[in-house]
Each structure stands twice: as structure tokens, then as C-alpha cells.
Amino acid sequence: MSEQRFAHAVNRALDDALASDPSVVLLGEDIGKAGGTFAVTRGLQDHYGADRVIDMPIAENAITGMAVGLAIGGFKPVVEIMFMDFVAFAMDAIVNQAAKLHFMFGGQGAVPLVIRTQHGGGLNAGPQHSQCLEAWFAHIPGLKVVCPATLDDAYALLRSAIDDPNPVIFVENKSLYPMKGTLSAEPEAVPLGKARIARAGRDVTIVTYGALVHKALAAAETLTAEGIEAEVIDLRTLQPWDEAAVLESLSRTHRLVVAHEAVEAFGVGAEIAARMAQVGFDELDGPIVRVGGAFMPVPFGRTLEVEYLPNADRIVEAVRATYG
């Protein structure tokens, strides 16, 4: 193992995919010589050439439409949309084309397309560059949605996404890019749809993903001083999500908190809470509590953004609320 940054784990996954499979191509704005807005694709065009790491014009609809065509034509395109906010320009290609073509072709065709995109706050990028829109895509049949929290998972899940015959929305929280950690020399393969226990516990289950995994772990340490041992479940994949893992944890802890950076209303947490209330009702000893962003645009100002973003203290408060 070696210490690396989260961004390097993504870069290495792309590098290894390009090296191992000639059908893999990258498309995006400034991903070539510039190495991408967050330097995640740095060096790849120099190594693999401009015909496999393709700089595209500022036109997300054109980029994604071209990628759908490449996918049904035998390639494995990986698109970078530099801010998740900009997926709005590409919704027709993603939602009406990529997600539905396998079904409309009667199962006779595959759409092995990956959309890499960056969500989240913490950089004071304002309301048009900080949104977490993953719930949009988790709602669409035919799409898979992934959001890693660790270096090994960033690598392994991206490799799994590229190998998957279905379109995958691969969401990277941009505040994690500079995070340091250990990246295994040969990261263990991680299938899509499998959660992991980031921290074992007996008293409450905290379900989360992406950057909030680390805040949930910090909250769990605070709760230990109060005699509450929290179990933290890192979903890793949001669609399909690992319902069995969450239910199994709830059956042991009997309390549930769901936390994400995205707006709380109508979010991923709402689906998990509703499903657990249905299938795990008899296991609950307290209310299911959600933690998420306020129902407002993400503020630009630093102090306002800090107040807006969910944090460890809010997760601690949510856990206390499950005790009534």
C-alpha cells in the first residue's frame, strides 16, 4: 500500500482501464492537456493519445449524446461532466436514451456508458456548482448510481462501473479529491450494489455515502463518549442500494439515521427511510431520522456554506433524536 490522494485513485482506475481495454475512451471538457478541472485525468492524454482521451467542446448534451452512440457501437465511453450541476444539459441523452435503450431493444443491446461527475460543497463554488443531484438518477430505471468514500472504493467501483454493460452515474464528491489515504497495490474488486460496514456498532445504524461517511465516523466517535456505539454503513452504490445490509444492521441496532449532503427533501434518504419503515418496522425502537442539506440553493459565502452543509454534530443530534 502507498499513501495517495482520492483524485489519484480515480486517475489510476482510468489509467488501468485504458491500458487493459482498447474499447475504453474518455470524453470531456479540458480532460486532455489540462488534465481536467480537478486534475483527475492529468497525464492520460499524453500516454494514450487524443483519440482515446478526447477533449470536447463546452456542450454537455453533445458530449453525452456522442458517448451514447459510442456505447451502442462497441466502445466503453467514460464521460466527465466537470460539475454535477451541468448534467441538466445532458438529461435527454442520459434519461431518455442511455437508460432505456437496452429495454427498447428487447435486451439485444448494451449501453456500457459511465458518466463521471463531481458533486458537493465545501469549495465555496456557489449554487450552480455545488449541488448533489444523485437522487435524480436513482429515480430512473435503467441507470446505476455510485458514490465512493474511500480511495480503494474510488478505484474498484470505477473499474466495476466501466466493466458494467449498463449506464452508470459515477459521483465523486469534489471535497474528497485532496483527501489522503492508502491505496492498495491491487485493490480488491468491489461489485456494484454492495454496501460495507465502515464501523461496527450495536446501538444505532447510520446509513450514508460519499463525503458524509467521514462525518458519520466522526459522529460515531463523539457518541462513544455517551455510551452509544454507532454502526456506520457506507452504501457505496445508491442504485441499486444494498437493502439487505441495511435491514440486517437495523435488526441488530433497532435505530436508524440516514445522512447525505444532498437536500433532505425527496432525497436518497427518504427512499431508505420509507423502505425500512415498511420492511423493518418491527425492528425499530425509535423514529427514523434523516440528515441532509436545507431546502435552499447552496450558499456561496464561506460561513453560510458551513452552516448549510450537514456535519458530524447534526448526525449526533439525529442519533439522540432516535432515543426520543
C-alpha atoms as a PDB file:
ATOM      1  CA  MET A   1       0.000   0.000   0.000  1.00  0.00           C
ATOM      2  CA  SER A   2       1.061   3.612  -0.577  1.00  0.00           C
ATOM      3  CA  GLU A   3      -0.336   6.944   0.571  1.00  0.00           C
ATOM      4  CA  GLN A   4      -2.120   8.724  -2.243  1.00  0.00           C
ATOM      5  CA  ARG A   5      -4.927  11.213  -2.713  1.00  0.00           C
ATOM      6  CA  PHE A   6      -8.504  10.352  -3.637  1.00  0.00           C
ATOM      7  CA  ALA A   7      -8.082  12.045  -7.028  1.00  0.00           C
ATOM      8  CA  HIS A   8      -5.126   9.778  -7.792  1.00  0.00           C
ATOM      9  CA  ALA A   9      -7.239   6.689  -7.121  1.00  0.00           C
ATOM     10  CA  VAL A  10      -9.710   7.813  -9.792  1.00  0.00           C
ATOM     11  CA  ASN A  11      -6.852   8.634 -12.179  1.00  0.00           C
ATOM     12  CA  ARG A  12      -5.300   5.227 -11.666  1.00  0.00           C
ATOM     13  CA  ALA A  13      -8.608   3.463 -12.301  1.00  0.00           C
ATOM     14  CA  LEU A  14      -8.974   5.322 -15.598  1.00  0.00           C
ATOM     15  CA  ASP A  15      -5.333   4.627 -16.486  1.00  0.00           C
ATOM     16  CA  ASP A  16      -5.664   0.896 -15.804  1.00  0.00           C
ATOM     17  CA  ALA A  17      -8.967   0.683 -17.699  1.00  0.00           C
ATOM     18  CA  LEU A  18      -7.464   2.400 -20.737  1.00  0.00           C
ATOM     19  CA  ALA A  19      -4.435   0.089 -20.598  1.00  0.00           C
ATOM     20  CA  SER A  20      -6.434  -3.118 -20.260  1.00  0.00           C
ATOM     21  CA  ASP A  21      -9.267  -2.480 -22.722  1.00  0.00           C
ATOM     22  CA  PRO A  22      -8.820  -0.701 -26.081  1.00  0.00           C
ATOM     23  CA  SER A  23     -12.566  -0.046 -26.276  1.00  0.00           C
ATOM     24  CA  VAL A  24     -12.388   2.372 -23.325  1.00  0.00           C
ATOM     25  CA  VAL A  25     -12.354   6.036 -24.346  1.00  0.00           C
ATOM     26  CA  LEU A  26     -12.605   9.188 -22.244  1.00  0.00           C
ATOM     27  CA  LEU A  27     -14.575  12.282 -23.279  1.00  0.00           C
ATOM     28  CA  GLY A  28     -14.964  15.616 -21.539  1.00  0.00           C
ATOM     29  CA  GLU A  29     -14.144  19.292 -21.346  1.00  0.00           C
ATOM     30  CA  ASP A  30     -10.438  20.049 -20.709  1.00  0.00           C
ATOM     31  CA  ILE A  31      -9.664  16.433 -19.789  1.00  0.00           C
ATOM     32  CA  GLY A  32      -6.674  16.244 -22.166  1.00  0.00           C
ATOM     33  CA  LYS A  33      -3.739  18.602 -21.868  1.00  0.00           C
ATOM     34  CA  ALA A  34      -5.313  20.440 -18.942  1.00  0.00           C
ATOM     35  CA  GLY A  35      -5.948  17.178 -17.082  1.00  0.00           C
ATOM     36  CA  GLY A  36      -9.477  18.125 -16.105  1.00  0.00           C
ATOM     37  CA  THR A  37     -10.848  20.839 -13.845  1.00  0.00           C
ATOM     38  CA  PHE A  38      -9.687  18.905 -10.776  1.00  0.00           C
ATOM     39  CA  ALA A  39      -6.598  17.362 -12.439  1.00  0.00           C
ATOM     40  CA  VAL A  40      -8.107  13.877 -12.224  1.00  0.00           C
ATOM     41  CA  THR A  41      -7.235  12.969 -15.838  1.00  0.00           C
ATOM     42  CA  ARG A  42      -3.758  14.512 -15.751  1.00  0.00           C
ATOM     43  CA  GLY A  43      -1.237  12.682 -17.942  1.00  0.00           C
ATOM     44  CA  LEU A  44      -3.708  10.310 -19.582  1.00  0.00           C
ATOM     45  CA  GLN A  45      -3.844  12.022 -22.970  1.00  0.00           C
ATOM     46  CA  ASP A  46      -0.046  12.161 -23.121  1.00  0.00           C
ATOM     47  CA  HIS A  47       0.060   8.410 -22.596  1.00  0.00           C
ATOM     48  CA  TYR A  48      -2.911   7.225 -24.665  1.00  0.00           C
ATOM     49  CA  GLY A  49      -3.321   9.940 -27.287  1.00  0.00           C
ATOM     50  CA  ALA A  50      -6.026  12.395 -28.252  1.00  0.00           C
ATOM     51  CA  ASP A  51      -8.112   9.714 -29.968  1.00  0.00           C
ATOM     52  CA  ARG A  52      -8.743   7.921 -26.658  1.00  0.00           C
ATOM     53  CA  VAL A  53      -8.702  10.868 -24.220  1.00  0.00           C
ATOM     54  CA  ILE A  54     -10.808  13.307 -26.173  1.00  0.00           C
ATOM     55  CA  ASP A  55     -11.122  16.997 -25.379  1.00  0.00           C
ATOM     56  CA  MET A  56     -14.656  18.086 -26.211  1.00  0.00           C
ATOM     57  CA  PRO A  57     -16.315  21.493 -26.666  1.00  0.00           C
ATOM     58  CA  ILE A  58     -18.397  23.035 -23.897  1.00  0.00           C
ATOM     59  CA  ALA A  59     -21.586  21.172 -24.842  1.00  0.00           C
ATOM     60  CA  GLU A  60     -22.629  18.513 -22.328  1.00  0.00           C
ATOM     61  CA  ASN A  61     -25.581  17.442 -24.460  1.00  0.00           C
ATOM     62  CA  ALA A  62     -23.315  16.814 -27.458  1.00  0.00           C
ATOM     63  CA  ILE A  63     -20.671  15.044 -25.372  1.00  0.00           C
ATOM     64  CA  THR A  64     -23.178  12.696 -23.768  1.00  0.00           C
ATOM     65  CA  GLY A  65     -25.105  12.081 -26.977  1.00  0.00           C
ATOM     66  CA  MET A  66     -21.872  11.143 -28.720  1.00  0.00           C
ATOM     67  CA  ALA A  67     -20.995   8.831 -25.828  1.00  0.00           C
ATOM     68  CA  VAL A  68     -24.339   7.018 -26.085  1.00  0.00           C
ATOM     69  CA  GLY A  69     -23.635   6.395 -29.751  1.00  0.00           C
ATOM     70  CA  LEU A  70     -20.156   5.113 -28.962  1.00  0.00           C
ATOM     71  CA  ALA A  71     -21.560   2.798 -26.265  1.00  0.00           C
ATOM     72  CA  ILE A  72     -24.081   1.116 -28.537  1.00  0.00           C
ATOM     73  CA  GLY A  73     -21.389   0.960 -31.218  1.00  0.00           C
ATOM     74  CA  GLY A  74     -18.998  -1.233 -29.249  1.00  0.00           C
ATOM     75  CA  PHE A  75     -16.970   1.234 -27.196  1.00  0.00           C
ATOM     76  CA  LYS A  76     -16.912   1.836 -23.430  1.00  0.00           C
ATOM     77  CA  PRO A  77     -17.025   5.621 -23.144  1.00  0.00           C
ATOM     78  CA  VAL A  78     -16.324   7.370 -19.847  1.00  0.00           C
ATOM     79  CA  VAL A  79     -17.659  10.925 -19.848  1.00  0.00           C
ATOM     80  CA  GLU A  80     -16.552  13.588 -17.403  1.00  0.00           C
ATOM     81  CA  ILE A  81     -19.089  16.293 -16.608  1.00  0.00           C
ATOM     82  CA  MET A  82     -16.976  18.651 -14.526  1.00  0.00           C
ATOM     83  CA  PHE A  83     -19.760  19.768 -12.163  1.00  0.00           C
ATOM     84  CA  MET A  84     -22.852  17.685 -11.471  1.00  0.00           C
ATOM     85  CA  ASP A  85     -24.969  20.820 -11.889  1.00  0.00           C
ATOM     86  CA  PHE A  86     -24.223  20.639 -15.623  1.00  0.00           C
ATOM     87  CA  VAL A  87     -25.908  17.239 -16.092  1.00  0.00           C
ATOM     88  CA  ALA A  88     -29.080  19.243 -16.675  1.00  0.00           C
ATOM     89  CA  PHE A  89     -27.798  19.879 -20.215  1.00  0.00           C
ATOM     90  CA  ALA A  90     -27.387  16.141 -20.815  1.00  0.00           C
ATOM     91  CA  MET A  91     -30.604  14.773 -19.316  1.00  0.00           C
ATOM     92  CA  ASP A  92     -32.199  13.708 -22.602  1.00  0.00           C
ATOM     93  CA  ALA A  93     -29.201  11.609 -23.632  1.00  0.00           C
ATOM     94  CA  ILE A  94     -28.902  10.047 -20.171  1.00  0.00           C
ATOM     95  CA  VAL A  95     -32.523   9.613 -19.110  1.00  0.00           C
ATOM     96  CA  ASN A  96     -34.385   9.132 -22.402  1.00  0.00           C
ATOM     97  CA  GLN A  97     -31.677   7.347 -24.374  1.00  0.00           C
ATOM     98  CA  ALA A  98     -28.952   5.603 -22.363  1.00  0.00           C
ATOM     99  CA  ALA A  99     -31.256   4.418 -19.582  1.00  0.00           C
ATOM    100  CA  LYS A 100     -33.876   2.981 -21.933  1.00  0.00           C
ATOM    101  CA  LEU A 101     -32.131   1.581 -24.997  1.00  0.00           C
ATOM    102  CA  HIS A 102     -31.479  -1.883 -23.517  1.00  0.00           C
ATOM    103  CA  PHE A 103     -35.199  -2.174 -22.733  1.00  0.00           C
ATOM    104  CA  MET A 104     -36.319  -0.729 -26.049  1.00  0.00           C
ATOM    105  CA  PHE A 105     -34.032  -3.113 -27.971  1.00  0.00           C
ATOM    106  CA  GLY A 106     -35.612  -6.072 -26.182  1.00  0.00           C
ATOM    107  CA  GLY A 107     -32.404  -6.825 -24.300  1.00  0.00           C
ATOM    108  CA  GLN A 108     -30.425  -7.224 -27.511  1.00  0.00           C
ATOM    109  CA  GLY A 109     -28.080  -4.291 -26.947  1.00  0.00           C
ATOM    110  CA  ALA A 110     -25.960  -2.963 -24.109  1.00  0.00           C
ATOM    111  CA  VAL A 111     -25.054   0.617 -23.183  1.00  0.00           C
ATOM    112  CA  PRO A 112     -21.720   0.382 -21.311  1.00  0.00           C
ATOM    113  CA  LEU A 113     -21.512   4.111 -20.547  1.00  0.00           C
ATOM    114  CA  VAL A 114     -20.053   5.784 -17.452  1.00  0.00           C
ATOM    115  CA  ILE A 115     -20.825   9.396 -16.567  1.00  0.00           C
ATOM    116  CA  ARG A 116     -18.239  10.673 -14.077  1.00  0.00           C
ATOM    117  CA  THR A 117     -19.354  13.831 -12.352  1.00  0.00           C
ATOM    118  CA  GLN A 118     -18.495  15.864  -9.271  1.00  0.00           C
ATOM    119  CA  HIS A 119     -20.990  16.970  -6.624  1.00  0.00           C
ATOM    120  CA  GLY A 120     -20.949  18.643  -3.240  1.00  0.00           C
ATOM    121  CA  GLY A 121     -19.951  21.797  -1.436  1.00  0.00           C
ATOM    122  CA  GLY A 122     -17.008  22.826   0.659  1.00  0.00           C
ATOM    123  CA  LEU A 123     -15.234  24.852  -2.028  1.00  0.00           C
ATOM    124  CA  ASN A 124     -17.472  27.945  -1.951  1.00  0.00           C
ATOM    125  CA  ALA A 125     -18.392  27.346  -5.576  1.00  0.00           C
ATOM    126  CA  GLY A 126     -21.914  28.677  -5.187  1.00  0.00           C
ATOM    127  CA  PRO A 127     -25.388  27.362  -6.021  1.00  0.00           C
ATOM    128  CA  GLN A 128     -24.681  26.393  -9.641  1.00  0.00           C
ATOM    129  CA  HIS A 129     -21.517  24.377  -8.937  1.00  0.00           C
ATOM    130  CA  SER A 130     -22.228  22.607  -5.623  1.00  0.00           C
ATOM    131  CA  GLN A 131     -25.441  20.610  -5.945  1.00  0.00           C
ATOM    132  CA  CYS A 132     -25.872  16.930  -5.085  1.00  0.00           C
ATOM    133  CA  LEU A 133     -28.327  15.632  -7.690  1.00  0.00           C
ATOM    134  CA  GLU A 134     -27.838  11.875  -7.381  1.00  0.00           C
ATOM    135  CA  ALA A 135     -31.494  11.321  -6.417  1.00  0.00           C
ATOM    136  CA  TRP A 136     -32.493  12.443  -9.926  1.00  0.00           C
ATOM    137  CA  PHE A 137     -30.737   9.436 -11.406  1.00  0.00           C
ATOM    138  CA  ALA A 138     -31.541   6.911  -8.682  1.00  0.00           C
ATOM    139  CA  HIS A 139     -35.175   7.505  -9.676  1.00  0.00           C
ATOM    140  CA  ILE A 140     -34.626   6.366 -13.284  1.00  0.00           C
ATOM    141  CA  PRO A 141     -34.983   2.660 -14.172  1.00  0.00           C
ATOM    142  CA  GLY A 142     -32.025   1.551 -16.275  1.00  0.00           C
ATOM    143  CA  LEU A 143     -29.379   3.648 -14.516  1.00  0.00           C
ATOM    144  CA  LYS A 144     -26.955   2.656 -11.786  1.00  0.00           C
ATOM    145  CA  VAL A 145     -25.620   5.273  -9.374  1.00  0.00           C
ATOM    146  CA  VAL A 146     -22.339   5.024  -7.444  1.00  0.00           C
ATOM    147  CA  CYS A 147     -20.714   7.343  -4.887  1.00  0.00           C
ATOM    148  CA  PRO A 148     -17.462   6.157  -3.232  1.00  0.00           C
ATOM    149  CA  ALA A 149     -15.975   7.410   0.039  1.00  0.00           C
ATOM    150  CA  THR A 150     -12.511   5.816   0.143  1.00  0.00           C
ATOM    151  CA  LEU A 151      -9.529   5.550  -2.168  1.00  0.00           C
ATOM    152  CA  ASP A 152      -9.807   1.805  -2.660  1.00  0.00           C
ATOM    153  CA  ASP A 153     -13.525   2.101  -3.386  1.00  0.00           C
ATOM    154  CA  ALA A 154     -12.982   5.005  -5.799  1.00  0.00           C
ATOM    155  CA  TYR A 155     -10.629   2.772  -7.762  1.00  0.00           C
ATOM    156  CA  ALA A 156     -12.525  -0.509  -7.501  1.00  0.00           C
ATOM    157  CA  LEU A 157     -16.010   0.872  -8.058  1.00  0.00           C
ATOM    158  CA  LEU A 158     -14.918   2.873 -11.091  1.00  0.00           C
ATOM    159  CA  ARG A 159     -13.368  -0.245 -12.606  1.00  0.00           C
ATOM    160  CA  SER A 160     -16.618  -2.121 -11.924  1.00  0.00           C
ATOM    161  CA  ALA A 161     -18.646   0.715 -13.433  1.00  0.00           C
ATOM    162  CA  ILE A 162     -16.566   0.708 -16.629  1.00  0.00           C
ATOM    163  CA  ASP A 163     -16.935  -3.078 -16.920  1.00  0.00           C
ATOM    164  CA  ASP A 164     -20.697  -2.955 -16.361  1.00  0.00           C
ATOM    165  CA  PRO A 165     -22.827  -3.310 -19.517  1.00  0.00           C
ATOM    166  CA  ASN A 166     -25.305  -0.743 -18.194  1.00  0.00           C
ATOM    167  CA  PRO A 167     -25.053   3.055 -17.928  1.00  0.00           C
ATOM    168  CA  VAL A 168     -23.588   4.136 -14.584  1.00  0.00           C
ATOM    169  CA  ILE A 169     -23.588   7.573 -12.984  1.00  0.00           C
ATOM    170  CA  PHE A 170     -20.325   7.719 -11.024  1.00  0.00           C
ATOM    171  CA  VAL A 171     -20.438  10.558  -8.498  1.00  0.00           C
ATOM    172  CA  GLU A 172     -17.283  11.937  -6.887  1.00  0.00           C
ATOM    173  CA  ASN A 173     -17.505  14.423  -4.035  1.00  0.00           C
ATOM    174  CA  LYS A 174     -15.011  17.099  -5.005  1.00  0.00           C
ATOM    175  CA  SER A 175     -14.144  17.869  -1.384  1.00  0.00           C
ATOM    176  CA  LEU A 176     -12.648  14.353  -1.205  1.00  0.00           C
ATOM    177  CA  TYR A 177     -10.151  14.856  -4.056  1.00  0.00           C
ATOM    178  CA  PRO A 178      -7.327  16.111  -1.803  1.00  0.00           C
ATOM    179  CA  MET A 179      -8.039  13.523   0.914  1.00  0.00           C
ATOM    180  CA  LYS A 180      -5.007  11.362   1.644  1.00  0.00           C
ATOM    181  CA  GLY A 181      -5.220   7.662   2.313  1.00  0.00           C
ATOM    182  CA  THR A 182      -3.769   4.307   1.438  1.00  0.00           C
ATOM    183  CA  LEU A 183      -4.413   2.865  -1.978  1.00  0.00           C
ATOM    184  CA  SER A 184      -3.761  -0.848  -2.218  1.00  0.00           C
ATOM    185  CA  ALA A 185      -1.309  -2.047  -4.836  1.00  0.00           C
ATOM    186  CA  GLU A 186      -4.088  -4.299  -6.107  1.00  0.00           C
ATOM    187  CA  PRO A 187      -7.411  -3.027  -4.706  1.00  0.00           C
ATOM    188  CA  GLU A 188      -9.937  -5.779  -4.100  1.00  0.00           C
ATOM    189  CA  ALA A 189     -12.739  -5.880  -6.660  1.00  0.00           C
ATOM    190  CA  VAL A 190     -15.999  -4.356  -5.421  1.00  0.00           C
ATOM    191  CA  PRO A 191     -19.253  -5.287  -7.188  1.00  0.00           C
ATOM    192  CA  LEU A 192     -21.861  -2.600  -7.696  1.00  0.00           C
ATOM    193  CA  GLY A 193     -24.767  -2.793  -5.264  1.00  0.00           C
ATOM    194  CA  LYS A 194     -22.852  -3.951  -2.167  1.00  0.00           C
ATOM    195  CA  ALA A 195     -22.555  -1.757   0.918  1.00  0.00           C
ATOM    196  CA  ARG A 196     -19.787  -2.016   3.509  1.00  0.00           C
ATOM    197  CA  ILE A 197     -19.703  -1.645   7.266  1.00  0.00           C
ATOM    198  CA  ALA A 198     -17.374   1.307   7.767  1.00  0.00           C
ATOM    199  CA  ARG A 199     -17.667   0.996  11.554  1.00  0.00           C
ATOM    200  CA  ALA A 200     -19.302  -1.784  13.557  1.00  0.00           C
ATOM    201  CA  GLY A 201     -21.703  -0.871  16.356  1.00  0.00           C
ATOM    202  CA  ARG A 202     -24.643  -2.170  18.391  1.00  0.00           C
ATOM    203  CA  ASP A 203     -26.878   0.798  19.294  1.00  0.00           C
ATOM    204  CA  VAL A 204     -27.811   2.702  16.135  1.00  0.00           C
ATOM    205  CA  THR A 205     -27.294   2.352  12.382  1.00  0.00           C
ATOM    206  CA  ILE A 206     -26.098   5.393  10.433  1.00  0.00           C
ATOM    207  CA  VAL A 207     -26.526   4.909   6.683  1.00  0.00           C
ATOM    208  CA  THR A 208     -24.613   7.296   4.450  1.00  0.00           C
ATOM    209  CA  TYR A 209     -22.326   7.589   1.421  1.00  0.00           C
ATOM    210  CA  GLY A 210     -19.609   9.729  -0.140  1.00  0.00           C
ATOM    211  CA  ALA A 211     -18.093  12.548   1.890  1.00  0.00           C
ATOM    212  CA  LEU A 212     -20.597  12.141   4.730  1.00  0.00           C
ATOM    213  CA  VAL A 213     -19.141   8.730   5.575  1.00  0.00           C
ATOM    214  CA  HIS A 214     -16.226  10.508   7.201  1.00  0.00           C
ATOM    215  CA  LYS A 215     -18.509  12.878   9.107  1.00  0.00           C
ATOM    216  CA  ALA A 216     -20.592   9.915  10.262  1.00  0.00           C
ATOM    217  CA  LEU A 217     -17.449   8.213  11.549  1.00  0.00           C
ATOM    218  CA  ALA A 218     -16.541  11.389  13.445  1.00  0.00           C
ATOM    219  CA  ALA A 219     -20.055  11.493  14.902  1.00  0.00           C
ATOM    220  CA  ALA A 220     -19.726   7.866  15.977  1.00  0.00           C
ATOM    221  CA  GLU A 221     -16.578   8.699  17.925  1.00  0.00           C
ATOM    222  CA  THR A 222     -18.400  11.519  19.721  1.00  0.00           C
ATOM    223  CA  LEU A 223     -21.297   9.214  20.549  1.00  0.00           C
ATOM    224  CA  THR A 224     -18.939   6.658  22.082  1.00  0.00           C
ATOM    225  CA  ALA A 225     -18.336   9.084  24.967  1.00  0.00           C
ATOM    226  CA  GLU A 226     -22.088   8.951  25.640  1.00  0.00           C
ATOM    227  CA  GLY A 227     -22.103   5.152  25.696  1.00  0.00           C
ATOM    228  CA  ILE A 228     -23.678   4.849  22.223  1.00  0.00           C
ATOM    229  CA  GLU A 229     -21.889   2.596  19.761  1.00  0.00           C
ATOM    230  CA  ALA A 230     -22.970   3.549  16.252  1.00  0.00           C
ATOM    231  CA  GLU A 231     -22.676   1.304  13.230  1.00  0.00           C
ATOM    232  CA  VAL A 232     -21.834   3.239  10.049  1.00  0.00           C
ATOM    233  CA  ILE A 233     -22.978   1.740   6.742  1.00  0.00           C
ATOM    234  CA  ASP A 234     -21.314   3.115   3.608  1.00  0.00           C
ATOM    235  CA  LEU A 235     -23.792   2.427   0.806  1.00  0.00           C
ATOM    236  CA  ARG A 236     -21.195   2.881  -1.971  1.00  0.00           C
ATOM    237  CA  THR A 237     -23.899   2.183  -4.580  1.00  0.00           C
ATOM    238  CA  LEU A 238     -27.140   4.159  -4.374  1.00  0.00           C
ATOM    239  CA  GLN A 239     -28.944   2.375  -7.189  1.00  0.00           C
ATOM    240  CA  PRO A 240     -29.277  -0.494  -6.662  1.00  0.00           C
ATOM    241  CA  TRP A 241     -28.753   0.029  -2.927  1.00  0.00           C
ATOM    242  CA  ASP A 242     -27.961  -2.780  -0.515  1.00  0.00           C
ATOM    243  CA  GLU A 243     -31.291  -3.063   1.271  1.00  0.00           C
ATOM    244  CA  ALA A 244     -30.355  -6.394   2.839  1.00  0.00           C
ATOM    245  CA  ALA A 245     -27.249  -4.956   4.520  1.00  0.00           C
ATOM    246  CA  VAL A 246     -29.182  -2.017   5.978  1.00  0.00           C
ATOM    247  CA  LEU A 247     -32.005  -4.246   7.230  1.00  0.00           C
ATOM    248  CA  GLU A 248     -29.540  -6.678   8.790  1.00  0.00           C
ATOM    249  CA  SER A 249     -27.839  -3.837  10.647  1.00  0.00           C
ATOM    250  CA  LEU A 250     -31.167  -2.369  11.769  1.00  0.00           C
ATOM    251  CA  SER A 251     -32.224  -5.777  13.094  1.00  0.00           C
ATOM    252  CA  ARG A 252     -29.263  -5.585  15.500  1.00  0.00           C
ATOM    253  CA  THR A 253     -29.253  -1.896  16.451  1.00  0.00           C
ATOM    254  CA  HIS A 254     -33.002  -1.096  16.282  1.00  0.00           C
ATOM    255  CA  ARG A 255     -32.403   2.573  15.478  1.00  0.00           C
ATOM    256  CA  LEU A 256     -31.739   4.251  12.125  1.00  0.00           C
ATOM    257  CA  VAL A 257     -30.314   7.552  10.901  1.00  0.00           C
ATOM    258  CA  VAL A 258     -29.831   8.267   7.193  1.00  0.00           C
ATOM    259  CA  ALA A 259     -27.439  11.079   6.268  1.00  0.00           C
ATOM    260  CA  HIS A 260     -26.432  12.680   2.975  1.00  0.00           C
ATOM    261  CA  GLU A 261     -25.159  16.032   1.776  1.00  0.00           C
ATOM    262  CA  ALA A 262     -27.940  16.369  -0.786  1.00  0.00           C
ATOM    263  CA  VAL A 263     -31.077  18.305   0.085  1.00  0.00           C
ATOM    264  CA  GLU A 264     -33.011  16.283   2.658  1.00  0.00           C
ATOM    265  CA  ALA A 265     -36.407  16.626   0.969  1.00  0.00           C
ATOM    266  CA  PHE A 266     -37.185  13.858  -1.552  1.00  0.00           C
ATOM    267  CA  GLY A 267     -33.603  12.577  -1.343  1.00  0.00           C
ATOM    268  CA  VAL A 268     -31.982   9.153  -1.255  1.00  0.00           C
ATOM    269  CA  GLY A 269     -32.547   9.125   2.496  1.00  0.00           C
ATOM    270  CA  ALA A 270     -36.299   9.437   2.015  1.00  0.00           C
ATOM    271  CA  GLU A 271     -36.379   6.226  -0.033  1.00  0.00           C
ATOM    272  CA  ILE A 272     -34.285   4.328   2.518  1.00  0.00           C
ATOM    273  CA  ALA A 273     -36.379   5.605   5.424  1.00  0.00           C
ATOM    274  CA  ALA A 274     -39.631   4.671   3.684  1.00  0.00           C
ATOM    275  CA  ARG A 275     -38.398   1.206   2.765  1.00  0.00           C
ATOM    276  CA  MET A 276     -37.054   0.450   6.248  1.00  0.00           C
ATOM    277  CA  ALA A 277     -40.303   1.686   7.801  1.00  0.00           C
ATOM    278  CA  GLN A 278     -42.070  -0.847   5.594  1.00  0.00           C
ATOM    279  CA  VAL A 279     -39.861  -3.933   5.870  1.00  0.00           C
ATOM    280  CA  GLY A 280     -38.119  -3.208   9.193  1.00  0.00           C
ATOM    281  CA  PHE A 281     -40.912  -1.625  11.218  1.00  0.00           C
ATOM    282  CA  ASP A 282     -40.913  -4.336  13.876  1.00  0.00           C
ATOM    283  CA  GLU A 283     -37.197  -3.795  14.447  1.00  0.00           C
ATOM    284  CA  LEU A 284     -37.487  -0.080  15.223  1.00  0.00           C
ATOM    285  CA  ASP A 285     -37.240   1.168  18.803  1.00  0.00           C
ATOM    286  CA  GLY A 286     -37.389   4.823  17.778  1.00  0.00           C
ATOM    287  CA  PRO A 287     -38.149   7.112  14.840  1.00  0.00           C
ATOM    288  CA  ILE A 288     -36.069   7.023  11.673  1.00  0.00           C
ATOM    289  CA  VAL A 289     -34.267  10.356  11.401  1.00  0.00           C
ATOM    290  CA  ARG A 290     -32.834  11.926   8.251  1.00  0.00           C
ATOM    291  CA  VAL A 291     -29.944  14.377   7.964  1.00  0.00           C
ATOM    292  CA  GLY A 292     -29.462  16.383   4.787  1.00  0.00           C
ATOM    293  CA  GLY A 293     -28.980  19.776   3.255  1.00  0.00           C
ATOM    294  CA  ALA A 294     -31.536  22.523   3.782  1.00  0.00           C
ATOM    295  CA  PHE A 295     -34.172  23.046   1.085  1.00  0.00           C
ATOM    296  CA  MET A 296     -32.424  26.014  -0.498  1.00  0.00           C
ATOM    297  CA  PRO A 297     -29.676  26.728  -3.052  1.00  0.00           C
ATOM    298  CA  VAL A 298     -26.166  26.104  -1.763  1.00  0.00           C
ATOM    299  CA  PRO A 299     -24.820  29.420  -0.378  1.00  0.00           C
ATOM    300  CA  PHE A 300     -21.695  30.952  -1.850  1.00  0.00           C
ATOM    301  CA  GLY A 301     -20.337  32.633   1.287  1.00  0.00           C
ATOM    302  CA  ARG A 302     -17.978  30.523   3.355  1.00  0.00           C
ATOM    303  CA  THR A 303     -19.711  30.958   6.700  1.00  0.00           C
ATOM    304  CA  LEU A 304     -23.147  30.347   5.185  1.00  0.00           C
ATOM    305  CA  GLU A 305     -21.966  27.233   3.349  1.00  0.00           C
ATOM    306  CA  VAL A 306     -20.519  25.826   6.574  1.00  0.00           C
ATOM    307  CA  GLU A 307     -23.920  26.272   8.212  1.00  0.00           C
ATOM    308  CA  TYR A 308     -25.674  24.731   5.221  1.00  0.00           C
ATOM    309  CA  LEU A 309     -23.617  21.551   4.934  1.00  0.00           C
ATOM    310  CA  PRO A 310     -24.543  18.570   7.137  1.00  0.00           C
ATOM    311  CA  ASN A 311     -21.828  17.828   9.677  1.00  0.00           C
ATOM    312  CA  ALA A 312     -20.915  15.427  12.465  1.00  0.00           C
ATOM    313  CA  ASP A 313     -22.753  17.482  15.093  1.00  0.00           C
ATOM    314  CA  ARG A 314     -26.017  17.237  13.176  1.00  0.00           C
ATOM    315  CA  ILE A 315     -25.601  13.484  12.844  1.00  0.00           C
ATOM    316  CA  VAL A 316     -25.002  13.248  16.602  1.00  0.00           C
ATOM    317  CA  GLU A 317     -28.199  15.241  17.210  1.00  0.00           C
ATOM    318  CA  ALA A 318     -30.108  12.938  14.857  1.00  0.00           C
ATOM    319  CA  VAL A 319     -28.922   9.860  16.748  1.00  0.00           C
ATOM    320  CA  ARG A 320     -30.017  11.405  20.041  1.00  0.00           C
ATOM    321  CA  ALA A 321     -33.437  12.064  18.473  1.00  0.00           C
ATOM    322  CA  THR A 322     -33.904   8.347  17.812  1.00  0.00           C
ATOM    323  CA  TYR A 323     -33.881   7.862  21.592  1.00  0.00           C
ATOM    324  CA  GLY A 324     -36.842  10.246  21.980  1.00  0.00           C
END
